[in-house]
Amino acid sequence: MTDNDIPPMQRPEDIPPIHTQADLERFWRMLKGRWGFDEPQLWALVIEGDDRPTGALFNFAELPRQPDDTALGNLLGGCRHVMAEMPGEPSVALLYARPGSQDMGDSDVTWARAINRAAHRAGVATRPVHFANDALVRVFSPDDLGLGRSVA
């Protein structure tokens, strides 16, 4: 990824709708910026039913080494509460991020699976869960999440 691939930071009301996987990845690259992350963290963005990002962008830093199901449930419950006030079918986009440039590892996959389970238990519609580090942003695949391959 080059500096030219990183969109400039924008106010929530100026961010274009997030219709596609590429749109969501571009949003997460904008958030990551050029420098990456100084500690593991989880980001949650509530997206309105018309695919417009809201000002409801939550960041949880100082994450424990292993996912905490109760804390994840509280996060997704808070997202569900915000989404309940919105028309249409809102959703939440989730990003697990950490420092470093090593590709996705077992610990990252463990986090993604816990995030996905918590969203399912909370009854929250989600966009694909993403991973980011100092060098890249990418989506967790269905295989990463233990869901198997999707059928077209």
N, C-alpha and C. Protein backbone atom coordinates (compact mmCIF):
# COMPACT_ATOMS: atom_id res chain seq x y z
N MET A 1 0.85 -1.17 0.00
CA MET A 1 0.00 0.00 0.00
C MET A 1 0.89 1.23 0.00
N THR A 2 0.60 2.16 -0.85
CA THR A 2 1.35 3.41 -0.91
C THR A 2 0.53 4.50 -0.24
N ASP A 3 1.20 5.62 0.01
CA ASP A 3 0.49 6.75 0.61
C ASP A 3 -0.66 7.21 -0.26
N ASN A 4 -0.55 7.02 -1.58
CA ASN A 4 -1.63 7.41 -2.48
C ASN A 4 -2.87 6.55 -2.31
N ASP A 5 -2.72 5.35 -1.73
CA ASP A 5 -3.85 4.44 -1.52
C ASP A 5 -4.65 4.78 -0.27
N ILE A 6 -4.17 5.72 0.52
CA ILE A 6 -4.82 6.05 1.79
C ILE A 6 -5.69 7.29 1.58
N PRO A 7 -7.01 7.12 1.67
CA PRO A 7 -7.89 8.28 1.50
C PRO A 7 -7.69 9.28 2.64
N PRO A 8 -7.89 10.56 2.37
CA PRO A 8 -7.77 11.55 3.44
C PRO A 8 -8.90 11.39 4.45
N MET A 9 -8.62 11.73 5.70
CA MET A 9 -9.63 11.67 6.76
C MET A 9 -10.76 12.65 6.43
N GLN A 10 -11.99 12.20 6.67
CA GLN A 10 -13.16 13.03 6.41
C GLN A 10 -14.10 13.01 7.60
N ARG A 11 -14.94 14.03 7.69
CA ARG A 11 -15.99 14.05 8.70
C ARG A 11 -17.02 12.98 8.33
N PRO A 12 -17.70 12.38 9.31
CA PRO A 12 -18.67 11.31 8.99
C PRO A 12 -19.70 11.72 7.94
N GLU A 13 -20.19 12.94 8.00
CA GLU A 13 -21.21 13.37 7.05
C GLU A 13 -20.66 13.54 5.63
N ASP A 14 -19.34 13.58 5.48
CA ASP A 14 -18.73 13.74 4.16
C ASP A 14 -18.27 12.41 3.55
N ILE A 15 -18.34 11.34 4.31
CA ILE A 15 -17.90 10.04 3.81
C ILE A 15 -18.98 9.48 2.90
N PRO A 16 -18.59 9.02 1.71
CA PRO A 16 -19.59 8.47 0.79
C PRO A 16 -20.22 7.19 1.36
N PRO A 17 -21.38 6.81 0.85
CA PRO A 17 -22.02 5.58 1.31
C PRO A 17 -21.09 4.38 1.16
N ILE A 18 -21.28 3.41 2.04
CA ILE A 18 -20.48 2.18 2.01
C ILE A 18 -21.37 1.08 1.44
N HIS A 19 -21.34 0.97 0.11
CA HIS A 19 -22.17 -0.02 -0.59
C HIS A 19 -21.47 -1.36 -0.74
N THR A 20 -20.16 -1.35 -0.93
CA THR A 20 -19.42 -2.57 -1.30
C THR A 20 -18.31 -2.87 -0.31
N GLN A 21 -17.75 -4.06 -0.46
CA GLN A 21 -16.59 -4.46 0.32
C GLN A 21 -15.43 -3.48 0.08
N ALA A 22 -15.23 -3.05 -1.15
CA ALA A 22 -14.16 -2.10 -1.47
C ALA A 22 -14.39 -0.75 -0.76
N ASP A 23 -15.64 -0.31 -0.68
CA ASP A 23 -15.96 0.94 0.03
C ASP A 23 -15.59 0.82 1.50
N LEU A 24 -15.92 -0.32 2.10
CA LEU A 24 -15.63 -0.52 3.52
C LEU A 24 -14.13 -0.59 3.75
N GLU A 25 -13.42 -1.30 2.89
CA GLU A 25 -11.97 -1.37 3.04
C GLU A 25 -11.35 0.02 2.90
N ARG A 26 -11.84 0.83 1.98
CA ARG A 26 -11.34 2.20 1.81
C ARG A 26 -11.58 3.01 3.10
N PHE A 27 -12.75 2.82 3.73
CA PHE A 27 -13.03 3.51 4.99
C PHE A 27 -12.01 3.11 6.05
N TRP A 28 -11.76 1.81 6.20
CA TRP A 28 -10.80 1.35 7.22
C TRP A 28 -9.40 1.84 6.90
N ARG A 29 -9.00 1.92 5.61
CA ARG A 29 -7.68 2.47 5.26
C ARG A 29 -7.60 3.94 5.64
N MET A 30 -8.69 4.68 5.45
CA MET A 30 -8.73 6.09 5.86
C MET A 30 -8.50 6.18 7.37
N LEU A 31 -9.18 5.33 8.12
CA LEU A 31 -9.06 5.35 9.58
C LEU A 31 -7.63 4.99 10.01
N LYS A 32 -7.03 3.99 9.36
CA LYS A 32 -5.68 3.54 9.70
C LYS A 32 -4.66 4.62 9.43
N GLY A 33 -4.83 5.35 8.34
CA GLY A 33 -3.87 6.38 7.98
C GLY A 33 -2.52 5.79 7.60
N ARG A 34 -1.52 6.63 7.61
CA ARG A 34 -0.17 6.20 7.21
C ARG A 34 0.58 5.47 8.32
N TRP A 35 0.19 5.68 9.57
CA TRP A 35 1.02 5.23 10.68
C TRP A 35 0.60 3.91 11.28
N GLY A 36 -0.63 3.49 11.09
CA GLY A 36 -1.05 2.24 11.69
C GLY A 36 -1.54 2.41 13.11
N PHE A 37 -1.25 1.43 13.94
CA PHE A 37 -1.82 1.38 15.28
C PHE A 37 -0.72 1.17 16.31
N ASP A 38 -0.87 1.80 17.49
CA ASP A 38 0.15 1.66 18.52
C ASP A 38 -0.18 0.60 19.56
N GLU A 39 -1.39 0.05 19.50
CA GLU A 39 -1.79 -1.02 20.40
C GLU A 39 -2.97 -1.77 19.78
N PRO A 40 -3.22 -3.01 20.21
CA PRO A 40 -4.40 -3.73 19.69
C PRO A 40 -5.66 -2.96 20.06
N GLN A 41 -6.59 -2.93 19.12
CA GLN A 41 -7.84 -2.22 19.35
C GLN A 41 -8.95 -2.75 18.46
N LEU A 42 -10.15 -2.43 18.85
CA LEU A 42 -11.33 -2.84 18.10
C LEU A 42 -12.13 -1.59 17.77
N TRP A 43 -12.53 -1.49 16.50
CA TRP A 43 -13.32 -0.37 16.02
C TRP A 43 -14.68 -0.89 15.56
N ALA A 44 -15.72 -0.13 15.85
CA ALA A 44 -17.08 -0.48 15.40
C ALA A 44 -17.71 0.77 14.81
N LEU A 45 -18.21 0.64 13.59
CA LEU A 45 -18.87 1.75 12.89
C LEU A 45 -20.30 1.34 12.60
N VAL A 46 -21.26 2.13 13.08
CA VAL A 46 -22.66 1.88 12.77
C VAL A 46 -22.96 2.53 11.42
N ILE A 47 -23.60 1.75 10.54
CA ILE A 47 -23.92 2.19 9.19
C ILE A 47 -25.44 2.18 9.04
N GLU A 48 -25.98 3.29 8.56
CA GLU A 48 -27.43 3.41 8.40
C GLU A 48 -27.93 2.45 7.32
N GLY A 49 -29.24 2.25 7.29
CA GLY A 49 -29.86 1.35 6.32
C GLY A 49 -29.63 1.76 4.88
N ASP A 50 -29.34 3.05 4.65
CA ASP A 50 -29.05 3.52 3.28
C ASP A 50 -27.55 3.49 2.98
N ASP A 51 -26.79 2.77 3.79
CA ASP A 51 -25.34 2.58 3.63
C ASP A 51 -24.50 3.79 3.98
N ARG A 52 -25.09 4.78 4.63
CA ARG A 52 -24.31 5.95 5.05
C ARG A 52 -23.69 5.69 6.42
N PRO A 53 -22.37 5.94 6.55
CA PRO A 53 -21.75 5.82 7.86
C PRO A 53 -22.30 6.89 8.81
N THR A 54 -22.43 6.54 10.05
CA THR A 54 -22.93 7.49 11.05
C THR A 54 -21.76 8.05 11.84
N GLY A 55 -22.06 8.96 12.73
CA GLY A 55 -21.06 9.46 13.65
C GLY A 55 -20.79 8.49 14.79
N ALA A 56 -21.51 7.35 14.78
CA ALA A 56 -21.34 6.34 15.83
C ALA A 56 -20.16 5.44 15.47
N LEU A 57 -18.96 5.92 15.78
CA LEU A 57 -17.72 5.18 15.56
C LEU A 57 -17.09 4.96 16.93
N PHE A 58 -17.03 3.70 17.35
CA PHE A 58 -16.53 3.37 18.68
C PHE A 58 -15.15 2.75 18.57
N ASN A 59 -14.26 3.11 19.49
CA ASN A 59 -12.91 2.56 19.55
C ASN A 59 -12.67 2.00 20.94
N PHE A 60 -12.21 0.77 20.97
CA PHE A 60 -11.85 0.12 22.22
C PHE A 60 -10.38 -0.26 22.15
N ALA A 61 -9.58 0.40 22.98
CA ALA A 61 -8.15 0.17 23.01
C ALA A 61 -7.79 -0.60 24.27
N GLU A 62 -6.52 -0.86 24.44
CA GLU A 62 -6.03 -1.62 25.60
C GLU A 62 -6.76 -2.95 25.73
N LEU A 63 -6.89 -3.65 24.61
CA LEU A 63 -7.57 -4.94 24.62
C LEU A 63 -6.75 -5.99 25.36
N PRO A 64 -7.41 -6.92 26.02
CA PRO A 64 -6.67 -8.03 26.65
C PRO A 64 -6.08 -8.95 25.57
N ARG A 65 -5.19 -9.83 25.97
CA ARG A 65 -4.58 -10.76 25.00
C ARG A 65 -5.61 -11.66 24.34
N GLN A 66 -6.57 -12.09 25.13
CA GLN A 66 -7.64 -12.95 24.62
C GLN A 66 -8.96 -12.19 24.65
N PRO A 67 -9.85 -12.48 23.70
CA PRO A 67 -11.14 -11.80 23.69
C PRO A 67 -11.94 -12.05 24.96
N ASP A 68 -12.67 -11.06 25.38
CA ASP A 68 -13.54 -11.14 26.54
C ASP A 68 -14.98 -11.13 26.02
N ASP A 69 -15.66 -12.28 26.11
CA ASP A 69 -17.00 -12.41 25.55
C ASP A 69 -17.99 -11.41 26.16
N THR A 70 -17.86 -11.13 27.45
CA THR A 70 -18.76 -10.19 28.11
C THR A 70 -18.55 -8.78 27.56
N ALA A 71 -17.30 -8.36 27.44
CA ALA A 71 -17.01 -7.02 26.92
C ALA A 71 -17.46 -6.89 25.47
N LEU A 72 -17.23 -7.93 24.67
CA LEU A 72 -17.67 -7.90 23.27
C LEU A 72 -19.20 -7.85 23.20
N GLY A 73 -19.86 -8.60 24.06
CA GLY A 73 -21.32 -8.56 24.10
C GLY A 73 -21.84 -7.18 24.46
N ASN A 74 -21.16 -6.51 25.41
CA ASN A 74 -21.57 -5.15 25.79
C ASN A 74 -21.38 -4.18 24.62
N LEU A 75 -20.27 -4.31 23.91
CA LEU A 75 -20.02 -3.45 22.75
C LEU A 75 -21.12 -3.63 21.70
N LEU A 76 -21.41 -4.88 21.35
CA LEU A 76 -22.41 -5.14 20.32
C LEU A 76 -23.81 -4.79 20.80
N GLY A 77 -24.07 -4.94 22.10
CA GLY A 77 -25.35 -4.51 22.66
C GLY A 77 -25.51 -3.00 22.54
N GLY A 78 -24.43 -2.25 22.77
CA GLY A 78 -24.47 -0.80 22.59
C GLY A 78 -24.73 -0.42 21.15
N CYS A 79 -24.10 -1.15 20.23
CA CYS A 79 -24.35 -0.90 18.80
C CYS A 79 -25.81 -1.19 18.46
N ARG A 80 -26.32 -2.30 18.99
CA ARG A 80 -27.73 -2.66 18.73
C ARG A 80 -28.66 -1.56 19.24
N HIS A 81 -28.35 -1.00 20.39
CA HIS A 81 -29.17 0.08 20.96
C HIS A 81 -29.17 1.30 20.02
N VAL A 82 -28.01 1.68 19.52
CA VAL A 82 -27.91 2.81 18.59
C VAL A 82 -28.69 2.50 17.31
N MET A 83 -28.56 1.28 16.81
CA MET A 83 -29.19 0.88 15.56
C MET A 83 -30.71 0.82 15.68
N ALA A 84 -31.23 0.56 16.87
CA ALA A 84 -32.67 0.44 17.07
C ALA A 84 -33.41 1.74 16.75
N GLU A 85 -32.71 2.85 16.84
CA GLU A 85 -33.32 4.16 16.59
C GLU A 85 -33.29 4.54 15.11
N MET A 86 -32.70 3.70 14.27
CA MET A 86 -32.51 4.04 12.86
C MET A 86 -33.54 3.36 11.98
N PRO A 87 -33.98 4.05 10.93
CA PRO A 87 -34.89 3.41 9.98
C PRO A 87 -34.15 2.41 9.11
N GLY A 88 -34.90 1.58 8.43
CA GLY A 88 -34.29 0.62 7.49
C GLY A 88 -33.59 -0.51 8.22
N GLU A 89 -32.54 -1.00 7.60
CA GLU A 89 -31.78 -2.11 8.15
C GLU A 89 -30.33 -1.69 8.38
N PRO A 90 -30.05 -1.03 9.49
CA PRO A 90 -28.68 -0.62 9.77
C PRO A 90 -27.80 -1.83 10.07
N SER A 91 -26.50 -1.62 9.98
CA SER A 91 -25.55 -2.69 10.28
C SER A 91 -24.34 -2.07 10.98
N VAL A 92 -23.45 -2.94 11.42
CA VAL A 92 -22.23 -2.47 12.06
C VAL A 92 -21.04 -3.09 11.34
N ALA A 93 -20.02 -2.28 11.11
CA ALA A 93 -18.77 -2.75 10.53
C ALA A 93 -17.75 -2.81 11.66
N LEU A 94 -16.96 -3.88 11.69
CA LEU A 94 -16.02 -4.11 12.78
C LEU A 94 -14.61 -4.33 12.24
N LEU A 95 -13.64 -3.72 12.91
CA LEU A 95 -12.23 -3.83 12.54
C LEU A 95 -11.43 -4.20 13.77
N TYR A 96 -10.70 -5.32 13.68
CA TYR A 96 -9.73 -5.67 14.72
C TYR A 96 -8.37 -5.22 14.19
N ALA A 97 -7.67 -4.39 14.95
CA ALA A 97 -6.39 -3.83 14.50
C ALA A 97 -5.33 -4.03 15.57
N ARG A 98 -4.09 -4.14 15.08
CA ARG A 98 -2.97 -4.26 16.01
C ARG A 98 -1.71 -3.71 15.34
N PRO A 99 -0.70 -3.36 16.15
CA PRO A 99 0.55 -2.87 15.58
C PRO A 99 1.33 -4.01 14.92
N GLY A 100 2.33 -3.63 14.15
CA GLY A 100 3.20 -4.60 13.49
C GLY A 100 2.83 -4.79 12.03
N SER A 101 3.67 -5.53 11.34
CA SER A 101 3.41 -5.76 9.91
C SER A 101 3.29 -7.25 9.58
N GLN A 102 3.33 -8.10 10.60
CA GLN A 102 3.17 -9.53 10.35
C GLN A 102 1.76 -9.80 9.87
N ASP A 103 1.65 -10.75 8.93
CA ASP A 103 0.33 -11.09 8.41
C ASP A 103 -0.54 -11.65 9.53
N MET A 104 -1.77 -11.82 9.22
CA MET A 104 -2.75 -12.32 10.17
C MET A 104 -2.28 -13.65 10.78
N GLY A 105 -2.40 -13.76 12.09
CA GLY A 105 -1.99 -14.97 12.79
C GLY A 105 -3.14 -15.57 13.57
N ASP A 106 -2.84 -16.64 14.31
CA ASP A 106 -3.86 -17.36 15.08
C ASP A 106 -4.58 -16.46 16.08
N SER A 107 -3.85 -15.59 16.75
CA SER A 107 -4.47 -14.69 17.74
C SER A 107 -5.47 -13.75 17.06
N ASP A 108 -5.12 -13.27 15.88
CA ASP A 108 -6.02 -12.38 15.14
C ASP A 108 -7.30 -13.11 14.74
N VAL A 109 -7.15 -14.34 14.28
CA VAL A 109 -8.31 -15.15 13.89
C VAL A 109 -9.18 -15.44 15.11
N THR A 110 -8.55 -15.71 16.26
CA THR A 110 -9.31 -15.93 17.50
C THR A 110 -10.16 -14.71 17.82
N TRP A 111 -9.59 -13.52 17.68
CA TRP A 111 -10.35 -12.29 17.91
C TRP A 111 -11.50 -12.17 16.93
N ALA A 112 -11.24 -12.39 15.66
CA ALA A 112 -12.30 -12.26 14.64
C ALA A 112 -13.45 -13.22 14.91
N ARG A 113 -13.14 -14.44 15.27
CA ARG A 113 -14.19 -15.42 15.56
C ARG A 113 -15.01 -14.99 16.77
N ALA A 114 -14.35 -14.47 17.80
CA ALA A 114 -15.07 -14.01 19.00
C ALA A 114 -15.96 -12.81 18.67
N ILE A 115 -15.46 -11.90 17.86
CA ILE A 115 -16.23 -10.72 17.43
C ILE A 115 -17.46 -11.18 16.65
N ASN A 116 -17.26 -12.09 15.73
CA ASN A 116 -18.37 -12.60 14.91
C ASN A 116 -19.42 -13.30 15.77
N ARG A 117 -18.98 -14.13 16.72
CA ARG A 117 -19.91 -14.82 17.62
C ARG A 117 -20.71 -13.82 18.46
N ALA A 118 -20.01 -12.81 18.97
CA ALA A 118 -20.68 -11.80 19.81
C ALA A 118 -21.75 -11.05 19.01
N ALA A 119 -21.45 -10.73 17.78
CA ALA A 119 -22.43 -10.04 16.94
C ALA A 119 -23.64 -10.92 16.69
N HIS A 120 -23.38 -12.19 16.43
CA HIS A 120 -24.49 -13.13 16.19
C HIS A 120 -25.36 -13.24 17.44
N ARG A 121 -24.73 -13.40 18.61
CA ARG A 121 -25.48 -13.52 19.86
C ARG A 121 -26.28 -12.25 20.17
N ALA A 122 -25.73 -11.10 19.80
CA ALA A 122 -26.41 -9.83 20.06
C ALA A 122 -27.50 -9.54 19.04
N GLY A 123 -27.58 -10.34 17.98
CA GLY A 123 -28.57 -10.13 16.94
C GLY A 123 -28.30 -8.88 16.12
N VAL A 124 -27.03 -8.58 15.91
CA VAL A 124 -26.63 -7.38 15.18
C VAL A 124 -26.22 -7.76 13.76
N ALA A 125 -26.80 -7.09 12.78
CA ALA A 125 -26.39 -7.29 11.39
C ALA A 125 -25.01 -6.68 11.21
N THR A 126 -24.09 -7.43 10.64
CA THR A 126 -22.73 -6.94 10.48
C THR A 126 -22.29 -6.95 9.02
N ARG A 127 -21.33 -6.12 8.74
CA ARG A 127 -20.58 -6.17 7.49
C ARG A 127 -19.42 -7.13 7.75
N PRO A 128 -18.69 -7.53 6.70
CA PRO A 128 -17.56 -8.44 6.93
C PRO A 128 -16.55 -7.84 7.93
N VAL A 129 -16.09 -8.66 8.87
CA VAL A 129 -15.11 -8.24 9.87
C VAL A 129 -13.76 -8.09 9.17
N HIS A 130 -13.06 -7.00 9.50
CA HIS A 130 -11.77 -6.70 8.89
C HIS A 130 -10.63 -6.77 9.90
N PHE A 131 -9.43 -6.91 9.36
CA PHE A 131 -8.17 -6.92 10.11
C PHE A 131 -7.29 -5.82 9.55
N ALA A 132 -6.57 -5.14 10.43
CA ALA A 132 -5.59 -4.15 9.98
C ALA A 132 -4.37 -4.20 10.88
N ASN A 133 -3.23 -3.88 10.28
CA ASN A 133 -2.02 -3.67 11.04
C ASN A 133 -1.31 -2.46 10.42
N ASP A 134 -0.04 -2.27 10.72
CA ASP A 134 0.66 -1.10 10.20
C ASP A 134 0.85 -1.14 8.70
N ALA A 135 0.73 -2.32 8.09
CA ALA A 135 1.04 -2.47 6.67
C ALA A 135 -0.18 -2.72 5.79
N LEU A 136 -1.28 -3.22 6.35
CA LEU A 136 -2.38 -3.63 5.47
C LEU A 136 -3.73 -3.57 6.15
N VAL A 137 -4.74 -3.63 5.31
CA VAL A 137 -6.13 -3.80 5.75
C VAL A 137 -6.70 -4.90 4.88
N ARG A 138 -7.35 -5.88 5.50
CA ARG A 138 -7.97 -6.94 4.71
C ARG A 138 -9.14 -7.55 5.47
N VAL A 139 -10.00 -8.21 4.73
CA VAL A 139 -11.19 -8.82 5.31
C VAL A 139 -10.83 -10.21 5.84
N PHE A 140 -11.47 -10.61 6.93
CA PHE A 140 -11.38 -11.99 7.39
C PHE A 140 -12.30 -12.80 6.48
N SER A 141 -11.80 -13.88 5.94
CA SER A 141 -12.61 -14.72 5.04
C SER A 141 -13.56 -15.59 5.85
N PRO A 142 -14.58 -16.16 5.20
CA PRO A 142 -15.44 -17.12 5.90
C PRO A 142 -14.63 -18.28 6.48
N ASP A 143 -13.60 -18.73 5.79
CA ASP A 143 -12.75 -19.80 6.33
C ASP A 143 -12.03 -19.35 7.60
N ASP A 144 -11.52 -18.09 7.61
CA ASP A 144 -10.88 -17.55 8.82
C ASP A 144 -11.84 -17.59 10.00
N LEU A 145 -13.10 -17.29 9.72
CA LEU A 145 -14.11 -17.21 10.78
C LEU A 145 -14.70 -18.58 11.13
N GLY A 146 -14.24 -19.62 10.45
CA GLY A 146 -14.75 -20.97 10.73
C GLY A 146 -16.12 -21.20 10.16
N LEU A 147 -16.48 -20.42 9.13
CA LEU A 147 -17.82 -20.52 8.54
C LEU A 147 -17.81 -21.35 7.27
N GLY A 148 -16.64 -21.77 6.79
CA GLY A 148 -16.56 -22.50 5.52
C GLY A 148 -16.74 -21.55 4.36
N ARG A 149 -16.73 -22.07 3.20
CA ARG A 149 -16.86 -21.26 1.99
C ARG A 149 -18.32 -20.92 1.74
N SER A 150 -18.52 -19.69 1.28
CA SER A 150 -19.89 -19.31 0.95
C SER A 150 -20.23 -19.82 -0.43
N VAL A 151 -21.48 -20.12 -0.65
CA VAL A 151 -21.96 -20.63 -1.92
C VAL A 151 -22.62 -19.49 -2.69
N ALA A 152 -22.22 -19.31 -3.93
CA ALA A 152 -22.77 -18.22 -4.74
C ALA A 152 -24.13 -18.59 -5.28
